[in-house]
Amino acid sequence: MGTSPPPFGLSLSKPSLLPDLPKEEASTGSARAGGHIAPLALYIHWPFCVSKCPYCDFNSHVREQVDQHAWKSALLTDLAHEAALIPGRPLSSIFFGGGTPSLMPPATVAALIEAADRHWGFTPDVEITLEANPSSVEAARFADLALAGINRVSLGLQALDDEALHFLGRAHDVKEGLAALDTAQANFGRTTFDLIYARPGQSLANWEAELARALAFGTGHLSLYQLTIEPGTRFATLTAQGKLPPVDPDHGADLFEQTRAQTAAAGLPAYEISNHARPGQESRHNLTYWRYGDYAGVGPGAHGRRGGMATIRHKKPENWLNAVARNGHGNQSEGALAPAERASEALLMGLRLREGVDLARIAGVTGIAEDTLVDGTAVARLEGHGLMRRAGSALMVTDQGMPVLDRILAEIVAV
C-alpha cells in the first residue's frame, strides 16, 4: 500500500503518498490566508506488511513480531514533537499510510487520533483516512476502526481478477476483496479503493469491463494507477531478466484516455492525474500535498513540509524507533528549503491537478518573480499544441497533455 508524502516525482503511477483544504487557505502555502489560520494535514506512517508486493517501492517491511506497545508509545512521542513545533493550527485531515495501517490495533489508532485532537484540534469536517488491505481478518477490525475515529478508508483492491491479483502478489482474491468493500461501505462514511491497470496482456476491452464493474460499486472516489516498474522491486528484477515486458507506451496512453473518458461519463472525473472523484469527494489530505499546503509527517520514512521547512524521518523501522528513544523524535533531517526549491515543488505537485496552479500565488509565497517560474516560450508552444492552457497567472495541463506530464514539466519548469 503506501501513500507517504512525496519525494516530488511525477508519473501515472501512485504518488508516494498519495490531500480538501479550503482552496483559498491551502493555496497560500503559509500559516495565514485571508486573515485566517490555515489548517494543517497530518500523515502517520505504519511501515509493516504481511508480505512485500512485487511492484511496491514504498517504505514497507515484513517483520515476524511487532512490539505494539513500543510502537504506540513512539508514534505518540513523534507526534507530540511535531505538534510542539507548529501549534495553533487545526488539522483538516489525518492520513494513516504504509505499509498496511489496517494491521494497527484499533486502540493505537484511537490513541493517535485523540492525541492529535488534543495537540491541534480538528476542523469541523476533519477527514481521517486509513489505508487497508481487503482481507477478511482486517475487515473484521473496520467497526472498531470506525469507533476509533476513522471516517474514510482506502482499500487496496488493486484488481478485480483473481489471476491478476496473483500476478500482483496480493494475498486476497476477488471474493474476499469485495466482501471487505461491502464491510467498509457499511462502516465508514467515505470509501475509496485502488486499482492497477496496464497489466501485461490487459486489452482495452478487458480494462473497460473491469473499470465498469468498479464504478458500479458506488464509491465516490477511485485511485487508478498504471503499473510502473520501480527500481529495487521484484518486478524490476524480472524486467531486467526479460521475464516481464513493460507496457507499450502507446497502449498505456490508450488505456489512460479510456480511463478518463469512462470515469468522467460515470460522474467521477479525474481531478488529479490518477485520482477520480464525484464533486466534493476528492481526497482532502492529498489535495494538501498537491496544492502545496503544510503538513506534518510522523513515523518511519515520513516527509513533512511546514513553514518552508522540509522534514524527513528515519526510513528503517528500527532506526526510527531508536531515534525516537534517543532524541524524542524520529527526524533524520530537517532544514529550510530555498525559495527556488519551494517554487519547483509547488509547480511539480500543482500541475498534477486538473485545476493547475496560480503562478502569482507561488511567486507571492516564495519570492520568485512570476515571469521566471516557467519558460514562457515553452508554455506558448505547448498551448499551441493543445497540451497546456494559460489565463493570466493561472496555468494548467489539459486532458490532452496529462499523458505526457513528465515531459511537459521538464520543458516548462524554470526554477
Foldseek 3Di string as FASTA:
>chain_A
DAQFFAPQDDDLFRGRDDAAFPCQQLLLQAQDGPRDGGAAEEEEEDAEACDDWQQDPHLHDHDPDDPLVLVLVLQLLQVVVVLVVDEDHAHQEYEYGYHACLPRDLVSLLVVVVSSCVSHNHDPNRAYEYEHELAPVSLVCLQSNVVSPHAEYEYAPAFQQQVVCVVRVHPDHNVSNVVSVVSNVVRHNAYEYEYEDLAPPQALVNVLVRVVVVLVVPGFKYFYGYRDRDPPGNVVVCVVVVNGPHRDLVRVVVNQVSVQVSLVVSQFHAFFSGMTGHVPRDHRYLVSQLSNHFYHYADAQHWTAHPQKIWGFHSDRVQQSVCCVVPSHRTPDMDGDQLLRSLLSNQSRNQRGQQRHQLVSSCVSRVDDSVQQWDPVLQVVCVVVVQWDDDHRGIYGDPVNSSVVVVSSVHIGRD
